[in-house]
Amino acid sequence: MNNETMVARREVEILNNLGLHLRPAEKFVKLALKFQAEIRVHYNGHQFNGKSILDLTTLGAERGTRLGLEARGPDAESAVEALANLVLARFFEKDNGEALPEASGTEPVA
């Protein structure tokens, strides 16, 4: 058995109009908490805990902001893929920040 820690990284761009405000940050954290991997978000030379809503909301990441996602752990690849897909899906929000009706109560598949 391999004792090396799995590491996965991906860069994403915030696409939703209102950026990484409280609702998208909450969705990100809820999804991140489903994984065993340690999740880090890299921005502007700093790293933030991807499982901390406080850390994510302090980023002030507006639309167009590029973030680095990093996961370390047994499910690192799955975690980065699921989180990147959430960001690409604009956190399932309309342009005005309202939740998309078809995404209400659903989470991206991990």
PDB file of N, CA and C in Angstrom:
ATOM      1  N   MET A   1       0.843  -1.183   0.000  1.00  0.00           N
ATOM      2  CA  MET A   1       0.000   0.000   0.000  1.00  0.00           C
ATOM      3  C   MET A   1       0.884   1.241   0.000  1.00  0.00           C
ATOM      4  N   ASN A   2       0.510   2.248  -0.770  1.00  0.00           N
ATOM      5  CA  ASN A   2       1.272   3.476  -0.913  1.00  0.00           C
ATOM      6  C   ASN A   2       0.925   4.449   0.210  1.00  0.00           C
ATOM      7  N   ASN A   3       1.946   4.923   0.947  1.00  0.00           N
ATOM      8  CA  ASN A   3       1.719   5.847   2.050  1.00  0.00           C
ATOM      9  C   ASN A   3       1.813   7.308   1.635  1.00  0.00           C
ATOM     10  N   GLU A   4       2.045   7.564   0.353  1.00  0.00           N
ATOM     11  CA  GLU A   4       2.128   8.942  -0.108  1.00  0.00           C
ATOM     12  C   GLU A   4       0.759   9.604  -0.051  1.00  0.00           C
ATOM     13  N   THR A   5       0.754  10.881   0.317  1.00  0.00           N
ATOM     14  CA  THR A   5      -0.487  11.644   0.354  1.00  0.00           C
ATOM     15  C   THR A   5      -0.851  12.069  -1.061  1.00  0.00           C
ATOM     16  N   MET A   6      -2.083  11.796  -1.446  1.00  0.00           N
ATOM     17  CA  MET A   6      -2.564  12.222  -2.755  1.00  0.00           C
ATOM     18  C   MET A   6      -2.780  13.730  -2.733  1.00  0.00           C
ATOM     19  N   VAL A   7      -2.312  14.406  -3.780  1.00  0.00           N
ATOM     20  CA  VAL A   7      -2.486  15.847  -3.911  1.00  0.00           C
ATOM     21  C   VAL A   7      -3.082  16.133  -5.278  1.00  0.00           C
ATOM     22  N   ALA A   8      -4.108  16.959  -5.292  1.00  0.00           N
ATOM     23  CA  ALA A   8      -4.734  17.370  -6.545  1.00  0.00           C
ATOM     24  C   ALA A   8      -4.875  18.887  -6.526  1.00  0.00           C
ATOM     25  N   ARG A   9      -4.647  19.483  -7.698  1.00  0.00           N
ATOM     26  CA  ARG A   9      -4.747  20.940  -7.805  1.00  0.00           C
ATOM     27  C   ARG A   9      -5.485  21.301  -9.088  1.00  0.00           C
ATOM     28  N   ARG A  10      -6.185  22.417  -9.023  1.00  0.00           N
ATOM     29  CA  ARG A  10      -6.847  22.944 -10.211  1.00  0.00           C
ATOM     30  C   ARG A  10      -7.094  24.432 -10.007  1.00  0.00           C
ATOM     31  N   GLU A  11      -6.995  25.172 -11.089  1.00  0.00           N
ATOM     32  CA  GLU A  11      -7.309  26.596 -11.031  1.00  0.00           C
ATOM     33  C   GLU A  11      -8.720  26.792 -11.565  1.00  0.00           C
ATOM     34  N   VAL A  12      -9.478  27.664 -10.897  1.00  0.00           N
ATOM     35  CA  VAL A  12     -10.845  27.961 -11.312  1.00  0.00           C
ATOM     36  C   VAL A  12     -11.037  29.475 -11.347  1.00  0.00           C
ATOM     37  N   GLU A  13     -12.054  29.884 -12.073  1.00  0.00           N
ATOM     38  CA  GLU A  13     -12.401  31.299 -12.127  1.00  0.00           C
ATOM     39  C   GLU A  13     -13.819  31.478 -11.612  1.00  0.00           C
ATOM     40  N   ILE A  14     -14.012  32.456 -10.744  1.00  0.00           N
ATOM     41  CA  ILE A  14     -15.346  32.752 -10.230  1.00  0.00           C
ATOM     42  C   ILE A  14     -16.156  33.346 -11.384  1.00  0.00           C
ATOM     43  N   LEU A  15     -17.278  32.707 -11.727  1.00  0.00           N
ATOM     44  CA  LEU A  15     -18.068  33.098 -12.881  1.00  0.00           C
ATOM     45  C   LEU A  15     -19.389  33.774 -12.529  1.00  0.00           C
ATOM     46  N   ASN A  16     -19.889  33.533 -11.321  1.00  0.00           N
ATOM     47  CA  ASN A  16     -21.184  34.122 -10.978  1.00  0.00           C
ATOM     48  C   ASN A  16     -21.028  35.619 -10.712  1.00  0.00           C
ATOM     49  N   ASN A  17     -22.062  36.380 -11.055  1.00  0.00           N
ATOM     50  CA  ASN A  17     -22.002  37.839 -11.002  1.00  0.00           C
ATOM     51  C   ASN A  17     -21.643  38.406  -9.639  1.00  0.00           C
ATOM     52  N   LEU A  18     -22.141  37.807  -8.572  1.00  0.00           N
ATOM     53  CA  LEU A  18     -21.940  38.372  -7.235  1.00  0.00           C
ATOM     54  C   LEU A  18     -20.690  37.858  -6.536  1.00  0.00           C
ATOM     55  N   GLY A  19     -19.935  36.995  -7.188  1.00  0.00           N
ATOM     56  CA  GLY A  19     -18.691  36.503  -6.606  1.00  0.00           C
ATOM     57  C   GLY A  19     -18.913  35.495  -5.490  1.00  0.00           C
ATOM     58  N   LEU A  20     -17.874  35.306  -4.705  1.00  0.00           N
ATOM     59  CA  LEU A  20     -17.911  34.309  -3.631  1.00  0.00           C
ATOM     60  C   LEU A  20     -18.468  34.948  -2.358  1.00  0.00           C
ATOM     61  N   HIS A  21     -19.770  35.238  -2.384  1.00  0.00           N
ATOM     62  CA  HIS A  21     -20.429  35.816  -1.214  1.00  0.00           C
ATOM     63  C   HIS A  21     -20.867  34.683  -0.288  1.00  0.00           C
ATOM     64  N   LEU A  22     -21.677  34.995   0.696  1.00  0.00           N
ATOM     65  CA  LEU A  22     -22.001  34.031   1.754  1.00  0.00           C
ATOM     66  C   LEU A  22     -22.657  32.747   1.251  1.00  0.00           C
ATOM     67  N   ARG A  23     -23.663  32.839   0.389  1.00  0.00           N
ATOM     68  CA  ARG A  23     -24.347  31.609  -0.075  1.00  0.00           C
ATOM     69  C   ARG A  23     -23.425  30.684  -0.852  1.00  0.00           C
ATOM     70  N   PRO A  24     -22.669  31.197  -1.838  1.00  0.00           N
ATOM     71  CA  PRO A  24     -21.753  30.285  -2.537  1.00  0.00           C
ATOM     72  C   PRO A  24     -20.669  29.726  -1.617  1.00  0.00           C
ATOM     73  N   ALA A  25     -20.190  30.540  -0.687  1.00  0.00           N
ATOM     74  CA  ALA A  25     -19.172  30.060   0.253  1.00  0.00           C
ATOM     75  C   ALA A  25     -19.736  28.919   1.096  1.00  0.00           C
ATOM     76  N   GLU A  26     -20.991  29.050   1.497  1.00  0.00           N
ATOM     77  CA  GLU A  26     -21.627  27.992   2.284  1.00  0.00           C
ATOM     78  C   GLU A  26     -21.742  26.707   1.460  1.00  0.00           C
ATOM     79  N   LYS A  27     -22.125  26.824   0.198  1.00  0.00           N
ATOM     80  CA  LYS A  27     -22.220  25.643  -0.675  1.00  0.00           C
ATOM     81  C   LYS A  27     -20.855  24.988  -0.841  1.00  0.00           C
ATOM     82  N   PHE A  28     -19.835  25.815  -1.019  1.00  0.00           N
ATOM     83  CA  PHE A  28     -18.470  25.298  -1.188  1.00  0.00           C
ATOM     84  C   PHE A  28     -18.052  24.528   0.060  1.00  0.00           C
ATOM     85  N   VAL A  29     -18.255  25.117   1.232  1.00  0.00           N
ATOM     86  CA  VAL A  29     -17.842  24.485   2.494  1.00  0.00           C
ATOM     87  C   VAL A  29     -18.622  23.195   2.739  1.00  0.00           C
ATOM     88  N   LYS A  30     -19.931  23.218   2.516  1.00  0.00           N
ATOM     89  CA  LYS A  30     -20.735  22.002   2.713  1.00  0.00           C
ATOM     90  C   LYS A  30     -20.228  20.861   1.841  1.00  0.00           C
ATOM     91  N   LEU A  31     -19.886  21.189   0.608  1.00  0.00           N
ATOM     92  CA  LEU A  31     -19.366  20.163  -0.296  1.00  0.00           C
ATOM     93  C   LEU A  31     -17.974  19.711   0.150  1.00  0.00           C
ATOM     94  N   ALA A  32     -17.119  20.652   0.503  1.00  0.00           N
ATOM     95  CA  ALA A  32     -15.752  20.323   0.937  1.00  0.00           C
ATOM     96  C   ALA A  32     -15.757  19.412   2.168  1.00  0.00           C
ATOM     97  N   LEU A  33     -16.704  19.637   3.067  1.00  0.00           N
ATOM     98  CA  LEU A  33     -16.776  18.839   4.292  1.00  0.00           C
ATOM     99  C   LEU A  33     -17.147  17.379   4.040  1.00  0.00           C
ATOM    100  N   LYS A  34     -17.638  17.072   2.847  1.00  0.00           N
ATOM    101  CA  LYS A  34     -17.986  15.685   2.514  1.00  0.00           C
ATOM    102  C   LYS A  34     -16.757  14.842   2.209  1.00  0.00           C
ATOM    103  N   PHE A  35     -15.617  15.497   2.077  1.00  0.00           N
ATOM    104  CA  PHE A  35     -14.392  14.792   1.716  1.00  0.00           C
ATOM    105  C   PHE A  35     -13.434  14.717   2.892  1.00  0.00           C
ATOM    106  N   GLN A  36     -12.649  13.646   2.920  1.00  0.00           N
ATOM    107  CA  GLN A  36     -11.633  13.482   3.961  1.00  0.00           C
ATOM    108  C   GLN A  36     -10.447  14.407   3.715  1.00  0.00           C
ATOM    109  N   ALA A  37     -10.207  14.732   2.474  1.00  0.00           N
ATOM    110  CA  ALA A  37      -9.035  15.519   2.098  1.00  0.00           C
ATOM    111  C   ALA A  37      -9.049  16.896   2.760  1.00  0.00           C
ATOM    112  N   GLU A  38      -7.869  17.389   3.030  1.00  0.00           N
ATOM    113  CA  GLU A  38      -7.697  18.774   3.474  1.00  0.00           C
ATOM    114  C   GLU A  38      -7.850  19.643   2.229  1.00  0.00           C
ATOM    115  N   ILE A  39      -8.668  20.672   2.313  1.00  0.00           N
ATOM    116  CA  ILE A  39      -8.947  21.527   1.162  1.00  0.00           C
ATOM    117  C   ILE A  39      -8.352  22.911   1.419  1.00  0.00           C
ATOM    118  N   ARG A  40      -7.579  23.387   0.475  1.00  0.00           N
ATOM    119  CA  ARG A  40      -6.985  24.730   0.549  1.00  0.00           C
ATOM    120  C   ARG A  40      -7.385  25.512  -0.697  1.00  0.00           C
ATOM    121  N   VAL A  41      -7.622  26.799  -0.495  1.00  0.00           N
ATOM    122  CA  VAL A  41      -7.903  27.707  -1.605  1.00  0.00           C
ATOM    123  C   VAL A  41      -6.772  28.721  -1.629  1.00  0.00           C
ATOM    124  N   HIS A  42      -6.117  28.840  -2.767  1.00  0.00           N
ATOM    125  CA  HIS A  42      -4.984  29.756  -2.921  1.00  0.00           C
ATOM    126  C   HIS A  42      -5.443  31.000  -3.671  1.00  0.00           C
ATOM    127  N   TYR A  43      -5.106  32.154  -3.084  1.00  0.00           N
ATOM    128  CA  TYR A  43      -5.474  33.423  -3.710  1.00  0.00           C
ATOM    129  C   TYR A  43      -4.507  34.512  -3.283  1.00  0.00           C
ATOM    130  N   ASN A  44      -3.984  35.199  -4.260  1.00  0.00           N
ATOM    131  CA  ASN A  44      -3.154  36.374  -4.014  1.00  0.00           C
ATOM    132  C   ASN A  44      -1.973  36.078  -3.077  1.00  0.00           C
ATOM    133  N   GLY A  45      -1.350  34.913  -3.273  1.00  0.00           N
ATOM    134  CA  GLY A  45      -0.185  34.550  -2.476  1.00  0.00           C
ATOM    135  C   GLY A  45      -0.493  34.003  -1.094  1.00  0.00           C
ATOM    136  N   HIS A  46      -1.753  33.810  -0.780  1.00  0.00           N
ATOM    137  CA  HIS A  46      -2.153  33.284   0.527  1.00  0.00           C
ATOM    138  C   HIS A  46      -2.966  32.007   0.330  1.00  0.00           C
ATOM    139  N   GLN A  47      -3.050  31.210   1.379  1.00  0.00           N
ATOM    140  CA  GLN A  47      -3.901  30.030   1.306  1.00  0.00           C
ATOM    141  C   GLN A  47      -4.918  30.077   2.428  1.00  0.00           C
ATOM    142  N   PHE A  48      -6.108  29.566   2.106  1.00  0.00           N
ATOM    143  CA  PHE A  48      -7.243  29.618   3.010  1.00  0.00           C
ATOM    144  C   PHE A  48      -7.835  28.229   3.160  1.00  0.00           C
ATOM    145  N   ASN A  49      -8.412  27.970   4.321  1.00  0.00           N
ATOM    146  CA  ASN A  49      -9.035  26.686   4.602  1.00  0.00           C
ATOM    147  C   ASN A  49     -10.346  26.598   3.828  1.00  0.00           C
ATOM    148  N   GLY A  50     -10.438  25.654   2.908  1.00  0.00           N
ATOM    149  CA  GLY A  50     -11.638  25.478   2.100  1.00  0.00           C
ATOM    150  C   GLY A  50     -12.805  24.884   2.848  1.00  0.00           C
ATOM    151  N   LYS A  51     -12.602  24.523   4.107  1.00  0.00           N
ATOM    152  CA  LYS A  51     -13.687  23.996   4.929  1.00  0.00           C
ATOM    153  C   LYS A  51     -14.114  25.014   5.983  1.00  0.00           C
ATOM    154  N   SER A  52     -13.699  26.267   5.795  1.00  0.00           N
ATOM    155  CA  SER A  52     -14.029  27.349   6.725  1.00  0.00           C
ATOM    156  C   SER A  52     -14.781  28.446   5.981  1.00  0.00           C
ATOM    157  N   ILE A  53     -16.041  28.650   6.345  1.00  0.00           N
ATOM    158  CA  ILE A  53     -16.826  29.688   5.689  1.00  0.00           C
ATOM    159  C   ILE A  53     -16.236  31.066   5.971  1.00  0.00           C
ATOM    160  N   LEU A  54     -15.677  31.259   7.155  1.00  0.00           N
ATOM    161  CA  LEU A  54     -15.055  32.537   7.488  1.00  0.00           C
ATOM    162  C   LEU A  54     -13.873  32.816   6.569  1.00  0.00           C
ATOM    163  N   ASP A  55     -13.022  31.814   6.374  1.00  0.00           N
ATOM    164  CA  ASP A  55     -11.878  31.981   5.470  1.00  0.00           C
ATOM    165  C   ASP A  55     -12.331  32.339   4.056  1.00  0.00           C
ATOM    166  N   LEU A  56     -13.343  31.638   3.561  1.00  0.00           N
ATOM    167  CA  LEU A  56     -13.771  31.864   2.177  1.00  0.00           C
ATOM    168  C   LEU A  56     -14.427  33.227   1.985  1.00  0.00           C
ATOM    169  N   THR A  57     -15.207  33.670   2.949  1.00  0.00           N
ATOM    170  CA  THR A  57     -15.861  34.964   2.790  1.00  0.00           C
ATOM    171  C   THR A  57     -14.877  36.125   2.940  1.00  0.00           C
ATOM    172  N   THR A  58     -13.769  35.911   3.620  1.00  0.00           N
ATOM    173  CA  THR A  58     -12.774  36.984   3.755  1.00  0.00           C
ATOM    174  C   THR A  58     -11.937  37.154   2.491  1.00  0.00           C
ATOM    175  N   LEU A  59     -12.043  36.216   1.552  1.00  0.00           N
ATOM    176  CA  LEU A  59     -11.305  36.341   0.289  1.00  0.00           C
ATOM    177  C   LEU A  59     -11.720  37.576  -0.503  1.00  0.00           C
ATOM    178  N   GLY A  60     -12.998  37.910  -0.450  1.00  0.00           N
ATOM    179  CA  GLY A  60     -13.501  39.002  -1.262  1.00  0.00           C
ATOM    180  C   GLY A  60     -13.370  38.708  -2.746  1.00  0.00           C
ATOM    181  N   ALA A  61     -13.556  37.456  -3.127  1.00  0.00           N
ATOM    182  CA  ALA A  61     -13.377  37.024  -4.515  1.00  0.00           C
ATOM    183  C   ALA A  61     -14.582  37.437  -5.354  1.00  0.00           C
ATOM    184  N   GLU A  62     -14.350  38.388  -6.244  1.00  0.00           N
ATOM    185  CA  GLU A  62     -15.391  38.871  -7.142  1.00  0.00           C
ATOM    186  C   GLU A  62     -15.391  38.056  -8.425  1.00  0.00           C
ATOM    187  N   ARG A  63     -16.382  38.330  -9.273  1.00  0.00           N
ATOM    188  CA  ARG A  63     -16.442  37.670 -10.573  1.00  0.00           C
ATOM    189  C   ARG A  63     -15.131  37.929 -11.323  1.00  0.00           C
ATOM    190  N   GLY A  64     -14.593  36.872 -11.921  1.00  0.00           N
ATOM    191  CA  GLY A  64     -13.337  36.982 -12.661  1.00  0.00           C
ATOM    192  C   GLY A  64     -12.109  36.635 -11.844  1.00  0.00           C
ATOM    193  N   THR A  65     -12.261  36.497 -10.533  1.00  0.00           N
ATOM    194  CA  THR A  65     -11.146  36.123  -9.665  1.00  0.00           C
ATOM    195  C   THR A  65     -10.730  34.695  -9.960  1.00  0.00           C
ATOM    196  N   ARG A  66      -9.432  34.479 -10.088  1.00  0.00           N
ATOM    197  CA  ARG A  66      -8.897  33.133 -10.302  1.00  0.00           C
ATOM    198  C   ARG A  66      -8.384  32.608  -8.962  1.00  0.00           C
ATOM    199  N   LEU A  67      -8.840  31.410  -8.622  1.00  0.00           N
ATOM    200  CA  LEU A  67      -8.459  30.762  -7.371  1.00  0.00           C
ATOM    201  C   LEU A  67      -7.786  29.431  -7.673  1.00  0.00           C
ATOM    202  N   GLY A  68      -6.842  29.062  -6.841  1.00  0.00           N
ATOM    203  CA  GLY A  68      -6.242  27.744  -6.926  1.00  0.00           C
ATOM    204  C   GLY A  68      -6.879  26.837  -5.896  1.00  0.00           C
ATOM    205  N   LEU A  69      -7.359  25.700  -6.329  1.00  0.00           N
ATOM    206  CA  LEU A  69      -7.916  24.703  -5.415  1.00  0.00           C
ATOM    207  C   LEU A  69      -6.873  23.622  -5.206  1.00  0.00           C
ATOM    208  N   GLU A  70      -6.706  23.211  -3.967  1.00  0.00           N
ATOM    209  CA  GLU A  70      -5.761  22.145  -3.650  1.00  0.00           C
ATOM    210  C   GLU A  70      -6.381  21.232  -2.610  1.00  0.00           C
ATOM    211  N   ALA A  71      -6.258  19.948  -2.835  1.00  0.00           N
ATOM    212  CA  ALA A  71      -6.741  18.955  -1.875  1.00  0.00           C
ATOM    213  C   ALA A  71      -5.618  17.964  -1.602  1.00  0.00           C
ATOM    214  N   ARG A  72      -5.504  17.577  -0.344  1.00  0.00           N
ATOM    215  CA  ARG A  72      -4.514  16.580   0.081  1.00  0.00           C
ATOM    216  C   ARG A  72      -5.218  15.524   0.919  1.00  0.00           C
ATOM    217  N   GLY A  73      -5.157  14.311   0.423  1.00  0.00           N
ATOM    218  CA  GLY A  73      -5.787  13.225   1.155  1.00  0.00           C
ATOM    219  C   GLY A  73      -6.222  12.131   0.204  1.00  0.00           C
ATOM    220  N   PRO A  74      -6.860  11.086   0.750  1.00  0.00           N
ATOM    221  CA  PRO A  74      -7.199   9.916  -0.055  1.00  0.00           C
ATOM    222  C   PRO A  74      -8.197  10.193  -1.173  1.00  0.00           C
ATOM    223  N   ASP A  75      -9.031  11.200  -1.012  1.00  0.00           N
ATOM    224  CA  ASP A  75     -10.035  11.514  -2.027  1.00  0.00           C
ATOM    225  C   ASP A  75      -9.784  12.889  -2.665  1.00  0.00           C
ATOM    226  N   ALA A  76      -8.513  13.251  -2.755  1.00  0.00           N
ATOM    227  CA  ALA A  76      -8.122  14.572  -3.245  1.00  0.00           C
ATOM    228  C   ALA A  76      -8.643  14.856  -4.657  1.00  0.00           C
ATOM    229  N   GLU A  77      -8.484  13.915  -5.563  1.00  0.00           N
ATOM    230  CA  GLU A  77      -8.926  14.116  -6.954  1.00  0.00           C
ATOM    231  C   GLU A  77     -10.430  14.358  -7.019  1.00  0.00           C
ATOM    232  N   SER A  78     -11.180  13.542  -6.318  1.00  0.00           N
ATOM    233  CA  SER A  78     -12.637  13.680  -6.312  1.00  0.00           C
ATOM    234  C   SER A  78     -13.061  15.016  -5.713  1.00  0.00           C
ATOM    235  N   ALA A  79     -12.383  15.424  -4.658  1.00  0.00           N
ATOM    236  CA  ALA A  79     -12.708  16.686  -3.993  1.00  0.00           C
ATOM    237  C   ALA A  79     -12.480  17.870  -4.922  1.00  0.00           C
ATOM    238  N   VAL A  80     -11.334  17.914  -5.556  1.00  0.00           N
ATOM    239  CA  VAL A  80     -11.022  19.033  -6.450  1.00  0.00           C
ATOM    240  C   VAL A  80     -11.983  19.051  -7.637  1.00  0.00           C
ATOM    241  N   GLU A  81     -12.282  17.883  -8.175  1.00  0.00           N
ATOM    242  CA  GLU A  81     -13.210  17.821  -9.312  1.00  0.00           C
ATOM    243  C   GLU A  81     -14.595  18.334  -8.915  1.00  0.00           C
ATOM    244  N   ALA A  82     -15.112  17.882  -7.788  1.00  0.00           N
ATOM    245  CA  ALA A  82     -16.447  18.296  -7.341  1.00  0.00           C
ATOM    246  C   ALA A  82     -16.493  19.796  -7.043  1.00  0.00           C
ATOM    247  N   LEU A  83     -15.469  20.307  -6.383  1.00  0.00           N
ATOM    248  CA  LEU A  83     -15.443  21.732  -6.040  1.00  0.00           C
ATOM    249  C   LEU A  83     -15.280  22.603  -7.284  1.00  0.00           C
ATOM    250  N   ALA A  84     -14.446  22.171  -8.204  1.00  0.00           N
ATOM    251  CA  ALA A  84     -14.279  22.911  -9.456  1.00  0.00           C
ATOM    252  C   ALA A  84     -15.591  22.928 -10.242  1.00  0.00           C
ATOM    253  N   ASN A  85     -16.298  21.808 -10.254  1.00  0.00           N
ATOM    254  CA  ASN A  85     -17.584  21.745 -10.951  1.00  0.00           C
ATOM    255  C   ASN A  85     -18.609  22.679 -10.314  1.00  0.00           C
ATOM    256  N   LEU A  86     -18.581  22.799  -8.999  1.00  0.00           N
ATOM    257  CA  LEU A  86     -19.481  23.722  -8.304  1.00  0.00           C
ATOM    258  C   LEU A  86     -19.195  25.160  -8.730  1.00  0.00           C
ATOM    259  N   VAL A  87     -17.932  25.520  -8.789  1.00  0.00           N
ATOM    260  CA  VAL A  87     -17.552  26.871  -9.211  1.00  0.00           C
ATOM    261  C   VAL A  87     -17.958  27.094 -10.672  1.00  0.00           C
ATOM    262  N   LEU A  88     -17.680  26.116 -11.528  1.00  0.00           N
ATOM    263  CA  LEU A  88     -18.043  26.231 -12.950  1.00  0.00           C
ATOM    264  C   LEU A  88     -19.553  26.348 -13.157  1.00  0.00           C
ATOM    265  N   ALA A  89     -20.319  25.760 -12.263  1.00  0.00           N
ATOM    266  CA  ALA A  89     -21.781  25.821 -12.340  1.00  0.00           C
ATOM    267  C   ALA A  89     -22.307  27.127 -11.741  1.00  0.00           C
ATOM    268  N   ARG A  90     -21.391  28.063 -11.452  1.00  0.00           N
ATOM    269  CA  ARG A  90     -21.744  29.368 -10.875  1.00  0.00           C
ATOM    270  C   ARG A  90     -22.464  29.206  -9.542  1.00  0.00           C
ATOM    271  N   PHE A  91     -22.133  28.148  -8.824  1.00  0.00           N
ATOM    272  CA  PHE A  91     -22.722  27.841  -7.523  1.00  0.00           C
ATOM    273  C   PHE A  91     -24.241  27.675  -7.627  1.00  0.00           C
ATOM    274  N   PHE A  92     -24.723  27.342  -8.825  1.00  0.00           N
ATOM    275  CA  PHE A  92     -26.150  27.155  -9.087  1.00  0.00           C
ATOM    276  C   PHE A  92     -26.950  28.402  -8.730  1.00  0.00           C
ATOM    277  N   GLU A  93     -26.428  29.549  -9.162  1.00  0.00           N
ATOM    278  CA  GLU A  93     -27.097  30.823  -8.927  1.00  0.00           C
ATOM    279  C   GLU A  93     -27.444  31.507 -10.243  1.00  0.00           C
ATOM    280  N   LYS A  94     -28.526  32.283 -10.209  1.00  0.00           N
ATOM    281  CA  LYS A  94     -28.860  33.170 -11.316  1.00  0.00           C
ATOM    282  C   LYS A  94     -27.932  34.377 -11.235  1.00  0.00           C
ATOM    283  N   ASP A  95     -27.974  35.227 -12.255  1.00  0.00           N
ATOM    284  CA  ASP A  95     -27.128  36.416 -12.267  1.00  0.00           C
ATOM    285  C   ASP A  95     -27.398  37.353 -11.096  1.00  0.00           C
ATOM    286  N   ASN A  96     -28.622  37.328 -10.560  1.00  0.00           N
ATOM    287  CA  ASN A  96     -28.955  38.209  -9.440  1.00  0.00           C
ATOM    288  C   ASN A  96     -28.679  37.561  -8.075  1.00  0.00           C
ATOM    289  N   GLY A  97     -28.118  36.373  -8.071  1.00  0.00           N
ATOM    290  CA  GLY A  97     -27.768  35.699  -6.822  1.00  0.00           C
ATOM    291  C   GLY A  97     -28.805  34.726  -6.308  1.00  0.00           C
ATOM    292  N   GLU A  98     -29.982  34.694  -6.937  1.00  0.00           N
ATOM    293  CA  GLU A  98     -31.009  33.743  -6.515  1.00  0.00           C
ATOM    294  C   GLU A  98     -30.609  32.331  -6.924  1.00  0.00           C
ATOM    295  N   ALA A  99     -31.029  31.368  -6.113  1.00  0.00           N
ATOM    296  CA  ALA A  99     -30.742  29.970  -6.433  1.00  0.00           C
ATOM    297  C   ALA A  99     -31.530  29.554  -7.667  1.00  0.00           C
ATOM    298  N   LEU A 100     -30.910  28.766  -8.517  1.00  0.00           N
ATOM    299  CA  LEU A 100     -31.617  28.221  -9.673  1.00  0.00           C
ATOM    300  C   LEU A 100     -32.656  27.219  -9.184  1.00  0.00           C
ATOM    301  N   PRO A 101     -33.887  27.292  -9.684  1.00  0.00           N
ATOM    302  CA  PRO A 101     -34.951  26.400  -9.217  1.00  0.00           C
ATOM    303  C   PRO A 101     -34.599  24.920  -9.342  1.00  0.00           C
ATOM    304  N   GLU A 102     -33.992  24.530 -10.455  1.00  0.00           N
ATOM    305  CA  GLU A 102     -33.691  23.108 -10.650  1.00  0.00           C
ATOM    306  C   GLU A 102     -32.557  22.620  -9.767  1.00  0.00           C
ATOM    307  N   ALA A 103     -31.803  23.540  -9.152  1.00  0.00           N
ATOM    308  CA  ALA A 103     -30.692  23.143  -8.297  1.00  0.00           C
ATOM    309  C   ALA A 103     -31.032  23.260  -6.822  1.00  0.00           C
ATOM    310  N   SER A 104     -32.192  23.773  -6.482  1.00  0.00           N
ATOM    311  CA  SER A 104     -32.569  23.953  -5.087  1.00  0.00           C
ATOM    312  C   SER A 104     -32.554  22.624  -4.348  1.00  0.00           C
ATOM    313  N   GLY A 105     -31.847  22.610  -3.246  1.00  0.00           N
ATOM    314  CA  GLY A 105     -31.797  21.412  -2.415  1.00  0.00           C
ATOM    315  C   GLY A 105     -30.932  20.307  -2.968  1.00  0.00           C
ATOM    316  N   THR A 106     -30.240  20.552  -4.054  1.00  0.00           N
ATOM    317  CA  THR A 106     -29.381  19.514  -4.597  1.00  0.00           C
ATOM    318  C   THR A 106     -27.937  19.957  -4.502  1.00  0.00           C
ATOM    319  N   GLU A 107     -27.074  19.004  -4.447  1.00  0.00           N
ATOM    320  CA  GLU A 107     -25.640  19.243  -4.395  1.00  0.00           C
ATOM    321  C   GLU A 107     -25.009  18.567  -5.590  1.00  0.00           C
ATOM    322  N   PRO A 108     -23.892  19.096  -6.077  1.00  0.00           N
ATOM    323  CA  PRO A 108     -23.179  18.401  -7.155  1.00  0.00           C
ATOM    324  C   PRO A 108     -22.758  17.012  -6.688  1.00  0.00           C
ATOM    325  N   VAL A 109     -22.746  16.081  -7.590  1.00  0.00           N
ATOM    326  CA  VAL A 109     -22.326  14.723  -7.255  1.00  0.00           C
ATOM    327  C   VAL A 109     -20.828  14.708  -7.027  1.00  0.00           C
ATOM    328  N   ALA A 110     -20.412  14.150  -5.901  1.00  0.00           N
ATOM    329  CA  ALA A 110     -18.991  14.098  -5.556  1.00  0.00           C
ATOM    330  C   ALA A 110     -18.332  12.910  -6.206  1.00  0.00           C
TER     331      ALA A 110
END
